[in-house]
N, C-alpha and C. Protein backbone atom coordinates (compact mmCIF):
# COMPACT_ATOMS: atom_id res chain seq x y z
N UNK A 1 16.30 2.14 13.28
CA UNK A 1 16.13 1.32 12.08
C UNK A 1 14.97 0.35 12.27
N UNK A 2 14.18 0.23 11.25
CA UNK A 2 13.01 -0.64 11.29
C UNK A 2 13.45 -2.10 11.42
N UNK A 3 12.67 -2.87 12.17
CA UNK A 3 13.02 -4.28 12.34
C UNK A 3 12.66 -5.05 11.07
N UNK A 4 13.59 -5.84 10.56
CA UNK A 4 13.30 -6.63 9.35
C UNK A 4 12.14 -7.57 9.57
N UNK A 5 11.26 -7.64 8.60
CA UNK A 5 10.08 -8.49 8.71
C UNK A 5 10.17 -9.65 7.73
N UNK A 6 10.95 -10.64 8.07
CA UNK A 6 11.00 -11.86 7.26
C UNK A 6 11.13 -13.03 8.21
N UNK A 7 10.18 -13.95 8.13
CA UNK A 7 10.34 -15.15 8.96
C UNK A 7 10.86 -16.27 8.07
N UNK A 8 11.81 -17.01 8.62
CA UNK A 8 12.47 -18.08 7.88
C UNK A 8 12.34 -19.36 8.70
N UNK A 9 11.67 -20.35 8.12
CA UNK A 9 11.52 -21.64 8.80
C UNK A 9 12.13 -22.72 7.91
N UNK A 10 13.05 -23.49 8.47
CA UNK A 10 13.75 -24.52 7.69
C UNK A 10 13.14 -25.88 8.00
N UNK A 11 12.75 -26.59 6.94
CA UNK A 11 12.21 -27.95 7.10
C UNK A 11 13.09 -28.90 6.29
N UNK A 12 13.58 -29.93 6.97
CA UNK A 12 14.47 -30.88 6.30
C UNK A 12 13.74 -32.15 5.90
N UNK A 13 14.01 -32.59 4.68
CA UNK A 13 13.53 -33.87 4.20
C UNK A 13 14.78 -34.65 3.79
N UNK A 14 14.66 -35.96 3.48
CA UNK A 14 15.88 -36.74 3.19
C UNK A 14 16.79 -36.14 2.11
N UNK A 15 16.22 -35.67 1.00
CA UNK A 15 17.10 -35.20 -0.06
C UNK A 15 16.96 -33.72 -0.37
N UNK A 16 16.15 -33.02 0.41
CA UNK A 16 16.01 -31.59 0.16
C UNK A 16 15.71 -30.84 1.45
N UNK A 17 15.96 -29.55 1.39
CA UNK A 17 15.63 -28.67 2.50
C UNK A 17 14.67 -27.63 1.96
N UNK A 18 13.54 -27.47 2.64
CA UNK A 18 12.58 -26.45 2.23
C UNK A 18 12.69 -25.29 3.22
N UNK A 19 12.89 -24.10 2.67
CA UNK A 19 12.96 -22.89 3.50
C UNK A 19 11.67 -22.11 3.26
N UNK A 20 10.84 -22.08 4.28
CA UNK A 20 9.55 -21.40 4.22
C UNK A 20 9.79 -19.93 4.55
N UNK A 21 9.47 -19.05 3.59
CA UNK A 21 9.69 -17.63 3.79
C UNK A 21 8.35 -16.91 3.91
N UNK A 22 8.29 -15.96 4.82
CA UNK A 22 7.07 -15.15 4.96
C UNK A 22 7.47 -13.73 5.30
N UNK A 23 6.90 -12.79 4.56
CA UNK A 23 7.20 -11.38 4.81
C UNK A 23 7.89 -10.74 3.63
N UNK A 24 8.87 -9.89 3.94
CA UNK A 24 9.53 -9.09 2.92
C UNK A 24 10.99 -9.49 2.72
N UNK A 25 11.36 -9.68 1.45
CA UNK A 25 12.77 -9.91 1.12
C UNK A 25 13.28 -8.58 0.59
N UNK A 26 14.05 -7.89 1.44
CA UNK A 26 14.53 -6.57 1.04
C UNK A 26 15.89 -6.29 1.66
N UNK A 27 16.31 -5.05 1.52
CA UNK A 27 17.65 -4.67 1.97
C UNK A 27 17.87 -5.00 3.45
N UNK A 28 16.80 -5.00 4.25
CA UNK A 28 16.94 -5.27 5.68
C UNK A 28 16.98 -6.77 6.02
N UNK A 29 16.50 -7.61 5.10
CA UNK A 29 16.36 -9.03 5.45
C UNK A 29 17.23 -9.98 4.62
N UNK A 30 17.86 -9.47 3.55
CA UNK A 30 18.61 -10.38 2.67
C UNK A 30 19.79 -11.04 3.37
N UNK A 31 20.43 -10.34 4.31
CA UNK A 31 21.60 -10.94 4.98
C UNK A 31 21.20 -12.18 5.76
N UNK A 32 20.06 -12.11 6.42
CA UNK A 32 19.58 -13.25 7.20
C UNK A 32 19.30 -14.45 6.27
N UNK A 33 18.63 -14.18 5.15
CA UNK A 33 18.34 -15.24 4.18
C UNK A 33 19.63 -15.82 3.61
N UNK A 34 20.56 -14.95 3.25
CA UNK A 34 21.85 -15.40 2.70
C UNK A 34 22.59 -16.29 3.69
N UNK A 35 22.58 -15.90 4.95
CA UNK A 35 23.27 -16.67 5.99
C UNK A 35 22.68 -18.07 6.11
N UNK A 36 21.36 -18.17 6.13
CA UNK A 36 20.69 -19.46 6.27
C UNK A 36 21.06 -20.37 5.09
N UNK A 37 20.95 -19.85 3.87
CA UNK A 37 21.25 -20.65 2.68
C UNK A 37 22.73 -21.02 2.65
N UNK A 38 23.60 -20.06 2.96
CA UNK A 38 25.05 -20.32 2.94
C UNK A 38 25.42 -21.43 3.92
N UNK A 39 24.85 -21.38 5.13
CA UNK A 39 25.15 -22.42 6.13
C UNK A 39 24.68 -23.80 5.65
N UNK A 40 23.53 -23.85 4.99
CA UNK A 40 23.05 -25.13 4.45
C UNK A 40 24.01 -25.66 3.39
N UNK A 41 24.46 -24.76 2.51
CA UNK A 41 25.37 -25.17 1.43
C UNK A 41 26.69 -25.69 1.99
N UNK A 42 27.19 -25.03 3.03
CA UNK A 42 28.49 -25.40 3.60
C UNK A 42 28.38 -26.62 4.51
N UNK A 43 27.38 -26.63 5.39
CA UNK A 43 27.30 -27.65 6.43
C UNK A 43 26.57 -28.93 6.00
N UNK A 44 25.52 -28.78 5.18
CA UNK A 44 24.68 -29.94 4.91
C UNK A 44 24.72 -30.44 3.47
N UNK A 45 24.94 -29.54 2.55
CA UNK A 45 24.98 -29.87 1.12
C UNK A 45 23.85 -30.79 0.70
N UNK A 46 22.59 -30.34 0.85
CA UNK A 46 21.47 -31.17 0.38
C UNK A 46 21.47 -31.21 -1.15
N UNK A 47 20.75 -32.16 -1.73
CA UNK A 47 20.66 -32.20 -3.20
C UNK A 47 19.90 -31.00 -3.73
N UNK A 48 18.97 -30.53 -2.92
CA UNK A 48 18.06 -29.48 -3.38
C UNK A 48 17.65 -28.59 -2.22
N UNK A 49 17.62 -27.29 -2.49
CA UNK A 49 17.09 -26.32 -1.53
C UNK A 49 15.91 -25.66 -2.22
N UNK A 50 14.75 -25.69 -1.57
CA UNK A 50 13.56 -25.06 -2.12
C UNK A 50 13.21 -23.85 -1.26
N UNK A 51 13.13 -22.69 -1.89
CA UNK A 51 12.67 -21.49 -1.20
C UNK A 51 11.17 -21.38 -1.45
N UNK A 52 10.39 -21.64 -0.42
CA UNK A 52 8.93 -21.55 -0.55
C UNK A 52 8.53 -20.08 -0.37
N UNK A 53 8.11 -19.47 -1.48
CA UNK A 53 7.85 -18.04 -1.51
C UNK A 53 6.39 -17.70 -1.23
N UNK A 54 5.59 -18.70 -0.82
CA UNK A 54 4.14 -18.48 -0.70
C UNK A 54 3.79 -17.36 0.27
N UNK A 55 4.63 -17.14 1.29
CA UNK A 55 4.31 -16.10 2.27
C UNK A 55 5.01 -14.77 2.00
N UNK A 56 5.74 -14.68 0.89
CA UNK A 56 6.48 -13.44 0.60
C UNK A 56 5.55 -12.42 -0.04
N UNK A 57 5.48 -11.23 0.57
CA UNK A 57 4.58 -10.22 0.03
C UNK A 57 5.32 -9.01 -0.57
N UNK A 58 6.65 -9.04 -0.51
CA UNK A 58 7.43 -7.94 -1.07
C UNK A 58 8.84 -8.41 -1.34
N UNK A 59 9.42 -7.95 -2.45
CA UNK A 59 10.80 -8.28 -2.76
C UNK A 59 11.38 -7.10 -3.54
N UNK A 60 12.39 -6.43 -2.97
CA UNK A 60 12.98 -5.29 -3.67
C UNK A 60 14.16 -5.73 -4.53
N UNK A 61 14.83 -4.77 -5.15
CA UNK A 61 15.93 -5.11 -6.06
C UNK A 61 17.05 -5.84 -5.33
N UNK A 62 17.28 -5.47 -4.08
CA UNK A 62 18.30 -6.15 -3.28
C UNK A 62 17.91 -7.61 -3.07
N UNK A 63 16.62 -7.84 -2.83
CA UNK A 63 16.12 -9.20 -2.65
C UNK A 63 16.27 -10.02 -3.91
N UNK A 64 15.92 -9.42 -5.06
CA UNK A 64 16.06 -10.12 -6.34
C UNK A 64 17.51 -10.48 -6.61
N UNK A 65 18.39 -9.51 -6.38
CA UNK A 65 19.83 -9.75 -6.59
C UNK A 65 20.34 -10.87 -5.71
N UNK A 66 19.87 -10.89 -4.48
CA UNK A 66 20.29 -11.92 -3.53
C UNK A 66 19.81 -13.30 -3.99
N UNK A 67 18.59 -13.38 -4.50
CA UNK A 67 18.08 -14.67 -5.00
C UNK A 67 18.96 -15.20 -6.13
N UNK A 68 19.39 -14.29 -7.02
CA UNK A 68 20.25 -14.70 -8.13
C UNK A 68 21.62 -15.15 -7.61
N UNK A 69 22.19 -14.40 -6.67
CA UNK A 69 23.50 -14.76 -6.09
C UNK A 69 23.41 -16.11 -5.38
N UNK A 70 22.35 -16.32 -4.61
CA UNK A 70 22.19 -17.60 -3.89
C UNK A 70 22.03 -18.75 -4.87
N UNK A 71 21.33 -18.50 -5.96
CA UNK A 71 21.14 -19.52 -6.99
C UNK A 71 22.49 -19.91 -7.58
N UNK A 72 23.33 -18.92 -7.85
CA UNK A 72 24.66 -19.20 -8.42
C UNK A 72 25.56 -19.92 -7.41
N UNK A 73 25.49 -19.50 -6.15
CA UNK A 73 26.28 -20.16 -5.10
C UNK A 73 25.89 -21.63 -4.99
N UNK A 74 24.59 -21.88 -5.04
CA UNK A 74 24.09 -23.25 -4.94
C UNK A 74 24.58 -24.07 -6.14
N UNK A 75 24.49 -23.47 -7.32
CA UNK A 75 24.95 -24.13 -8.54
C UNK A 75 26.42 -24.52 -8.41
N UNK A 76 27.19 -23.59 -7.89
CA UNK A 76 28.62 -23.82 -7.70
C UNK A 76 28.88 -24.99 -6.74
N UNK A 77 27.98 -25.13 -5.74
CA UNK A 77 28.11 -26.22 -4.77
C UNK A 77 27.40 -27.49 -5.26
N UNK A 78 26.94 -27.44 -6.52
CA UNK A 78 26.22 -28.57 -7.13
C UNK A 78 24.96 -28.93 -6.35
N UNK A 79 24.27 -27.89 -5.92
CA UNK A 79 23.00 -28.03 -5.22
C UNK A 79 21.96 -27.28 -6.07
N UNK A 80 20.79 -27.88 -6.23
CA UNK A 80 19.72 -27.20 -6.96
C UNK A 80 19.01 -26.26 -6.01
N UNK A 81 18.90 -24.99 -6.38
CA UNK A 81 18.13 -24.04 -5.59
C UNK A 81 16.92 -23.64 -6.44
N UNK A 82 15.73 -23.91 -5.92
CA UNK A 82 14.50 -23.63 -6.67
C UNK A 82 13.57 -22.75 -5.85
N UNK A 83 12.83 -21.91 -6.54
CA UNK A 83 11.80 -21.11 -5.89
C UNK A 83 10.47 -21.82 -6.12
N UNK A 84 9.68 -21.97 -5.07
CA UNK A 84 8.38 -22.62 -5.20
C UNK A 84 7.30 -21.66 -4.74
N UNK A 85 6.09 -21.87 -5.24
CA UNK A 85 4.93 -21.06 -4.85
C UNK A 85 5.19 -19.57 -5.03
N UNK A 86 5.75 -19.22 -6.18
CA UNK A 86 6.04 -17.82 -6.48
C UNK A 86 4.72 -17.13 -6.83
N UNK A 87 4.40 -16.07 -6.10
CA UNK A 87 3.15 -15.34 -6.34
C UNK A 87 3.17 -14.56 -7.64
N UNK A 88 1.98 -14.15 -8.07
CA UNK A 88 1.84 -13.42 -9.33
C UNK A 88 2.68 -12.15 -9.37
N UNK A 89 2.68 -11.40 -8.25
CA UNK A 89 3.42 -10.13 -8.25
C UNK A 89 4.91 -10.37 -8.46
N UNK A 90 5.45 -11.40 -7.80
CA UNK A 90 6.88 -11.68 -7.92
C UNK A 90 7.20 -12.24 -9.31
N UNK A 91 6.31 -13.05 -9.84
CA UNK A 91 6.52 -13.60 -11.18
C UNK A 91 6.57 -12.46 -12.19
N UNK A 92 5.68 -11.46 -12.02
CA UNK A 92 5.70 -10.29 -12.92
C UNK A 92 7.02 -9.54 -12.81
N UNK A 93 7.48 -9.35 -11.58
CA UNK A 93 8.76 -8.65 -11.37
C UNK A 93 9.90 -9.42 -12.03
N UNK A 94 9.89 -10.74 -11.89
CA UNK A 94 10.94 -11.57 -12.50
C UNK A 94 10.88 -11.48 -14.03
N UNK A 95 9.67 -11.42 -14.56
CA UNK A 95 9.51 -11.27 -16.02
C UNK A 95 10.02 -9.91 -16.48
N UNK A 96 9.61 -8.86 -15.78
CA UNK A 96 9.99 -7.49 -16.17
C UNK A 96 11.50 -7.31 -16.10
N UNK A 97 12.12 -7.86 -15.08
CA UNK A 97 13.56 -7.68 -14.89
C UNK A 97 14.39 -8.67 -15.70
N UNK A 98 13.73 -9.65 -16.31
CA UNK A 98 14.45 -10.65 -17.09
C UNK A 98 15.14 -11.69 -16.23
N UNK A 99 14.81 -11.71 -14.94
CA UNK A 99 15.48 -12.65 -14.02
C UNK A 99 14.80 -14.02 -13.96
N UNK A 100 13.63 -14.12 -14.57
CA UNK A 100 12.91 -15.40 -14.49
C UNK A 100 13.77 -16.55 -15.03
N UNK A 101 14.52 -16.26 -16.10
CA UNK A 101 15.34 -17.32 -16.69
C UNK A 101 16.60 -17.61 -15.86
N UNK A 102 16.98 -16.67 -14.99
CA UNK A 102 18.18 -16.86 -14.16
C UNK A 102 17.88 -17.70 -12.92
N UNK A 103 16.61 -17.89 -12.62
CA UNK A 103 16.23 -18.62 -11.41
C UNK A 103 15.42 -19.85 -11.78
N UNK A 104 15.55 -20.90 -10.99
CA UNK A 104 14.74 -22.08 -11.25
C UNK A 104 13.43 -21.91 -10.47
N UNK A 105 12.34 -21.90 -11.20
CA UNK A 105 11.03 -21.76 -10.59
C UNK A 105 10.36 -23.13 -10.63
N UNK A 106 10.00 -23.62 -9.46
CA UNK A 106 9.48 -24.97 -9.35
C UNK A 106 7.98 -24.93 -9.13
N UNK A 107 7.28 -25.92 -9.65
CA UNK A 107 5.84 -26.02 -9.37
C UNK A 107 5.64 -26.89 -8.13
N UNK A 108 6.75 -27.34 -7.56
CA UNK A 108 6.79 -28.15 -6.34
C UNK A 108 6.11 -27.40 -5.21
N UNK A 109 5.21 -28.05 -4.48
CA UNK A 109 4.56 -27.32 -3.40
C UNK A 109 4.90 -27.91 -2.05
């Protein structure tokens, strides 16, 4: 099995956590991303979690579904989950799939 290519770096600020993502969000890497976000929601409960998508070069349907699920989980925990630095390709995919409205897209950098 191919090694998942997604690097996840967590940066904490007083009222938010920024998760810097680089690589591919797909069937091989979504579990790792889910685990990181889930642990933050359970253990730290920041006001806001920002997924910095600037380094993401691929996102498959599993990745998109996971982003929506994580967004709902965060909402349930009363935490804002926002995507920042969403590239043109991903924005197009979100538009085509109708998921753009299901996710909070931030201009926060």
